[in-house]
Protein backbone atom coordinates (compact mmCIF):
# COMPACT_ATOMS: atom_id res chain seq x y z
CA MET A 1 0.56 231.90 271.74
CA ASP A 2 2.73 228.91 273.45
CA HIS A 3 4.44 227.87 270.52
CA LEU A 4 5.35 224.22 272.30
CA GLN A 5 1.83 222.29 272.58
CA GLN A 6 1.86 218.45 273.12
CA GLY A 7 5.03 217.40 271.31
CA TRP A 8 5.08 220.16 268.76
CA PHE A 9 6.35 223.44 267.67
CA THR A 10 4.45 225.64 265.77
CA GLU A 11 5.53 228.92 264.20
CA SER A 12 2.72 230.92 263.18
CA ASP A 13 3.24 234.68 263.99
CA THR A 14 4.95 235.60 260.74
CA TRP A 15 2.70 233.34 258.89
CA PRO A 16 -0.78 235.11 258.95
CA GLY A 17 -3.43 232.69 259.20
CA ALA A 18 -1.23 229.17 258.68
CA GLY A 19 1.43 227.95 261.01
CA LEU A 20 4.28 225.51 260.26
CA SER A 21 4.37 222.56 263.01
CA LEU A 22 7.43 220.39 263.68
CA GLN A 23 7.07 216.94 265.96
CA VAL A 24 9.66 217.69 268.68
CA GLU A 25 11.22 214.77 270.53
CA GLU A 26 13.14 216.89 272.70
CA VAL A 27 13.89 220.24 273.73
CA LEU A 28 17.78 220.46 273.85
CA HIS A 29 17.98 224.13 275.12
CA LYS A 30 15.82 226.87 276.04
CA GLU A 31 16.89 230.27 277.26
CA LYS A 32 16.97 234.41 276.89
CA SER A 33 19.80 236.20 275.74
CA PRO A 34 20.35 239.81 276.19
CA TYR A 35 18.71 240.08 272.74
CA GLN A 36 16.17 237.06 272.06
CA ASP A 37 14.82 234.39 273.23
CA ILE A 38 16.83 231.16 271.69
CA MET A 39 15.86 227.26 271.59
CA VAL A 40 17.66 224.27 270.24
CA LEU A 41 14.86 221.38 269.25
CA GLN A 42 15.41 217.94 268.59
CA THR A 43 12.78 217.35 265.76
CA LYS A 44 11.19 214.02 264.40
CA SER A 45 11.91 214.50 260.72
CA PHE A 46 13.92 218.09 260.36
CA GLY A 47 16.71 217.13 262.82
CA LYS A 48 18.14 219.68 264.90
CA ALA A 49 16.38 223.01 264.61
CA LEU A 50 17.60 226.63 265.79
CA ILE A 51 14.78 228.85 267.16
CA LEU A 52 15.02 232.53 267.50
CA ASP A 53 12.35 234.42 268.99
CA ASN A 54 9.90 231.64 268.20
CA ILE A 55 11.12 231.93 264.47
CA ILE A 56 12.77 229.02 262.80
CA GLN A 57 15.85 229.80 261.51
CA CYS A 58 17.31 226.49 260.42
CA THR A 59 16.87 223.04 260.52
CA GLU A 60 19.30 220.36 260.22
CA PHE A 61 17.70 218.85 257.34
CA ASP A 62 17.54 221.58 254.73
CA GLU A 63 19.99 224.02 256.11
CA PHE A 64 22.34 223.69 253.21
CA SER A 65 19.59 225.09 250.95
CA TYR A 66 19.27 228.62 252.64
CA GLN A 67 23.51 228.68 253.37
CA GLU A 68 24.62 227.59 249.67
CA MET A 69 22.12 230.13 248.10
CA ILE A 70 22.52 233.39 250.09
CA SER A 71 26.32 232.21 249.57
CA PHE A 72 26.97 231.87 246.02
CA LEU A 73 24.46 233.57 244.53
CA PRO A 74 26.30 236.96 245.29
CA LEU A 75 29.31 235.53 244.98
CA CYS A 76 29.63 233.91 241.58
CA SER A 77 28.06 236.78 240.33
CA HIS A 78 30.99 239.01 241.19
CA PRO A 79 34.32 238.63 238.78
CA ASN A 80 36.46 238.53 241.80
CA PRO A 81 35.13 238.39 245.13
CA GLU A 82 38.21 238.27 247.64
CA ARG A 83 36.89 240.07 250.58
CA VAL A 84 33.46 239.07 252.21
CA LEU A 85 31.35 240.53 255.31
CA VAL A 86 28.56 238.60 256.67
CA VAL A 87 26.05 240.29 259.17
CA GLY A 88 24.56 238.04 261.70
CA GLY A 89 25.68 234.52 260.32
CA GLY A 90 25.79 233.35 263.99
CA ASP A 91 25.32 229.79 263.43
CA GLY A 92 28.40 229.65 261.19
CA GLY A 93 26.69 228.18 258.16
CA VAL A 94 27.28 231.21 255.69
CA ALA A 95 31.00 231.22 256.84
CA ARG A 96 30.96 227.36 255.77
CA GLU A 97 29.95 228.36 252.31
CA THR A 98 31.63 231.10 251.39
CA VAL A 99 35.27 230.00 252.04
CA LYS A 100 34.43 227.46 249.33
CA HIS A 101 34.54 229.97 246.75
CA PRO A 102 38.73 229.68 245.44
CA LYS A 103 38.62 233.73 245.01
CA VAL A 104 37.60 234.11 248.40
CA LEU A 105 40.32 235.69 250.74
CA SER A 106 38.90 236.61 253.92
CA VAL A 107 35.56 236.34 255.53
CA ASP A 108 34.11 238.45 258.50
CA VAL A 109 31.57 237.53 260.51
CA VAL A 110 29.44 240.09 262.43
CA GLU A 111 27.29 238.62 264.95
CA ILE A 112 25.85 240.67 268.05
CA ASP A 113 24.25 237.74 269.97
CA GLU A 114 27.17 235.38 270.97
CA ARG A 115 25.18 233.05 272.95
CA VAL A 116 24.02 232.33 269.13
CA VAL A 117 27.04 231.35 268.33
CA LYS A 118 28.19 229.40 271.56
CA LEU A 119 24.68 227.38 271.10
CA SER A 120 25.54 226.48 267.50
CA GLU A 121 29.10 225.42 268.20
CA GLN A 122 27.50 223.13 270.81
CA TYR A 123 24.59 221.79 268.96
CA LEU A 124 25.01 222.73 265.53
CA PRO A 125 28.53 222.11 264.84
CA PHE A 126 28.09 220.74 261.17
CA MET A 127 27.36 224.50 260.74
CA ALA A 128 29.50 226.23 263.36
CA CYS A 129 32.40 224.63 262.06
CA GLY A 130 32.69 227.56 259.44
CA PHE A 131 33.86 229.52 262.39
CA LYS A 132 37.22 227.51 262.45
CA HIS A 133 38.28 228.14 258.74
CA ASP A 134 41.45 230.27 258.87
CA LYS A 135 39.94 232.90 256.69
CA VAL A 136 37.04 233.43 258.99
CA THR A 137 37.37 236.26 261.64
CA LEU A 138 34.27 236.29 263.92
CA HIS A 139 33.34 239.64 265.50
CA ILE A 140 30.97 239.96 268.53
CA GLU A 141 29.20 243.41 267.71
CA ASP A 142 26.50 245.01 266.29
CA GLY A 143 26.87 245.09 262.23
CA PHE A 144 26.21 248.81 261.97
CA GLU A 145 28.73 249.74 264.50
CA PHE A 146 31.08 247.64 262.95
CA MET A 147 30.81 249.14 259.47
CA LYS A 148 30.88 252.37 261.08
CA ASN A 149 34.12 251.87 262.94
CA ASN A 150 36.01 249.56 260.31
CA ALA A 151 37.68 250.99 257.42
CA GLN A 152 38.04 248.05 255.49
CA ARG A 153 35.65 247.92 251.89
CA PHE A 154 34.28 244.59 250.92
CA ASP A 155 33.61 242.81 247.55
CA ILE A 156 30.58 241.35 248.97
CA ILE A 157 28.49 242.14 252.04
CA ILE A 158 25.58 239.17 253.03
CA THR A 159 23.23 240.31 255.71
CA ASP A 160 22.27 236.78 256.98
CA SER A 161 19.43 238.22 259.31
CA SER A 162 16.16 236.31 260.67
CA ASP A 163 13.19 238.44 259.98
CA PRO A 164 12.55 241.96 260.87
CA VAL A 165 11.85 242.22 264.77
CA GLY A 166 13.86 242.10 267.80
CA PRO A 167 17.67 242.82 267.28
CA ASN A 168 17.33 242.36 263.28
CA GLU A 169 14.65 245.38 262.63
CA SER A 170 17.74 247.90 261.88
CA LEU A 171 18.76 245.70 259.16
CA PHE A 172 15.78 246.14 257.41
CA GLN A 173 15.86 250.19 257.50
CA LYS A 174 16.97 252.65 254.48
CA THR A 175 20.12 253.80 256.90
CA TYR A 176 21.19 250.34 256.89
CA ILE A 177 21.20 250.06 252.84
CA GLU A 178 23.05 253.22 253.13
CA SER A 179 25.71 251.74 255.57
CA LEU A 180 25.95 249.00 253.17
CA LYS A 181 26.68 251.17 250.10
CA ARG A 182 29.62 253.06 252.20
CA SER A 183 31.03 249.83 253.07
CA LEU A 184 31.35 248.16 249.49
CA LYS A 185 34.36 248.20 247.32
CA PRO A 186 33.32 249.86 244.23
CA GLY A 187 31.56 247.16 241.99
CA GLY A 188 30.46 245.23 244.93
CA ILE A 189 27.35 243.02 245.84
CA ILE A 190 25.02 243.09 248.51
CA CYS A 191 22.98 240.35 249.41
CA SER A 192 19.73 240.04 251.71
CA GLN A 193 16.74 237.43 252.92
CA VAL A 194 13.76 238.98 252.40
CA GLY A 195 11.45 236.10 253.16
CA SER A 196 8.31 234.79 251.26
CA ILE A 197 7.05 235.93 247.98
CA TRP A 198 3.69 234.41 249.11
CA ILE A 199 3.29 236.44 252.46
CA LYS A 200 2.06 239.79 252.61
CA GLU A 201 4.16 241.24 255.06
CA ASP A 202 7.19 239.95 253.40
CA GLN A 203 6.28 241.62 250.53
CA ASP A 204 5.86 244.94 251.90
CA THR A 205 9.58 244.34 253.06
CA MET A 206 10.86 243.48 249.66
CA ILE A 207 8.86 246.70 248.05
CA ARG A 208 10.24 248.88 250.76
CA LEU A 209 13.93 247.46 250.83
CA SER A 210 14.02 247.12 246.97
CA LYS A 211 12.89 250.81 246.81
CA ASP A 212 16.12 251.70 249.00
CA CYS A 213 18.31 249.95 247.13
CA SER A 214 16.85 251.27 243.34
CA ALA A 215 18.20 254.98 245.26
CA ASN A 216 21.76 253.49 246.09
CA PHE A 217 22.55 251.14 243.47
CA LYS A 218 22.11 250.97 239.61
CA LYS A 219 21.04 247.34 239.35
CA VAL A 220 18.35 245.62 241.66
CA THR A 221 17.40 242.12 241.53
CA LEU A 222 15.37 239.23 243.59
CA ALA A 223 15.96 235.58 243.61
CA THR A 224 13.79 233.02 245.21
CA ILE A 225 14.24 229.28 246.23
CA SER A 226 11.96 226.24 247.90
CA ILE A 227 13.27 225.37 251.03
CA PRO A 228 10.74 223.53 253.66
CA SER A 229 11.29 224.68 256.86
CA TYR A 230 10.46 228.17 255.79
CA PRO A 231 7.15 229.81 255.63
CA THR A 232 5.23 228.74 252.60
CA GLY A 233 8.27 226.63 251.42
CA ASN A 234 9.95 229.56 249.82
CA ILE A 235 12.79 232.16 250.90
CA SER A 236 13.90 235.08 249.02
CA PHE A 237 17.04 237.43 248.36
CA ILE A 238 17.53 240.94 246.78
CA LEU A 239 21.03 241.41 245.21
CA ALA A 240 22.25 244.98 244.16
CA THR A 241 25.27 246.40 242.78
CA ASP A 242 26.57 249.67 241.01
CA ASN A 243 28.40 247.51 238.45
CA GLU A 244 26.51 247.60 235.34
CA LEU A 245 28.47 244.59 233.84
CA VAL A 246 27.36 242.43 236.44
CA ASN A 247 24.44 239.67 234.84
CA PHE A 248 23.12 237.94 237.87
CA LYS A 249 21.30 235.29 235.82
CA ILE A 250 24.59 234.19 234.50
CA PRO A 251 27.44 233.45 236.63
CA ALA A 252 30.71 235.22 236.66
CA TYR A 253 32.59 231.96 238.25
CA SER A 254 30.98 228.66 237.38
CA PHE A 255 31.77 225.63 239.90
CA THR A 256 33.10 222.68 237.93
CA LEU A 257 31.16 219.29 238.86
CA GLU A 258 34.41 218.46 240.31
CA GLU A 259 34.14 221.41 242.22
CA MET A 260 30.44 220.93 243.64
CA ASN A 261 31.26 217.00 244.53
CA LYS A 262 34.71 218.30 246.29
CA HIS A 263 32.69 221.00 248.50
CA LYS A 264 29.37 218.74 249.09
CA LEU A 265 27.26 221.35 247.56
CA LYS A 266 23.51 219.63 247.65
CA HIS A 267 21.79 222.82 246.37
CA TYR A 268 23.84 225.44 244.24
CA SER A 269 24.74 224.82 240.76
CA PRO A 270 25.13 227.07 238.13
CA ASP A 271 22.11 225.81 236.43
CA VAL A 272 20.14 226.66 239.78
CA HIS A 273 21.75 230.35 240.02
CA SER A 274 20.26 231.25 236.75
CA ALA A 275 16.79 229.43 237.47
CA SER A 276 16.50 231.56 241.12
CA PHE A 277 16.17 234.61 239.25
CA SER A 278 13.36 233.70 237.54
CA ILE A 279 10.77 235.00 239.75
CA PRO A 280 7.01 234.57 239.08
CA ARG A 281 5.17 237.05 237.45
CA PHE A 282 3.00 238.24 240.11
CA ALA A 283 6.12 239.14 242.35
CA ARG A 284 7.67 241.11 239.66
CA MET A 285 4.53 242.96 239.28
CA ILE A 286 4.22 243.90 243.24
CA ILE A 287 7.72 244.91 243.22
CA PRO A 288 8.49 247.56 240.57
CA HIS A 289 12.29 248.47 241.91
CA ILE A 290 13.38 245.50 240.63
CA ASN A 291 15.03 246.50 237.37
CA CYS A 292 17.20 243.10 236.08
């Protein structure tokens, strides 16, 4: 379908029978990179929006919700998250957030599509500023290849990907979970976005990934948050670890009010951390491999 019609962008391919529409004031950029279609839109109510393969990746209005939660749910569940790997994350938002944790020493961001990085630097500097931090190293390459060829092990691995299509399809496979396991330090934590608990196709992804995680990790859990620019206003994360002492619902590190104000956190807090793991009963029933 034509996703841009009469001044509106509509995302519907991943939302069967419905569609989220944003009123567009200007198409700031449009191109086809070697990996995907990329658009940057100026919208009326959501500010700038990054669109990859006609799927909304982030909007200026609510990007902080996703970036903070995918970063601090795993970081604050780990007792000493010194070394962080981000697979994807070409907009820079996760890099921007992860360096705010006081125990983080280094963040490696591995993004396959350099055009996403360059366009984010141009149009989304409030996110791409994350790449400028001294603790952050950006690698333009395939995440699989990076983990295979890099001997370094990480305390936290965050998979900040789009939906399981195009260049991101491999990040939702069993072999990818096995690669994550090999790249973790003992007791490390992985975190991957898995879509909306309300969409059947995303539920199938959660079921499959939670099964693959349970075959590789002792503890597997699901967190869910509200964010208006994503399908059904919801997005979820699978987290897993072999550290049986980890209680995902209780942060191992709790930001103080002063720290949250200093870092301008808008969504994440210790209370929201705990609440995000209280998922609806229907979701827990259909995802049997969630065990904590």
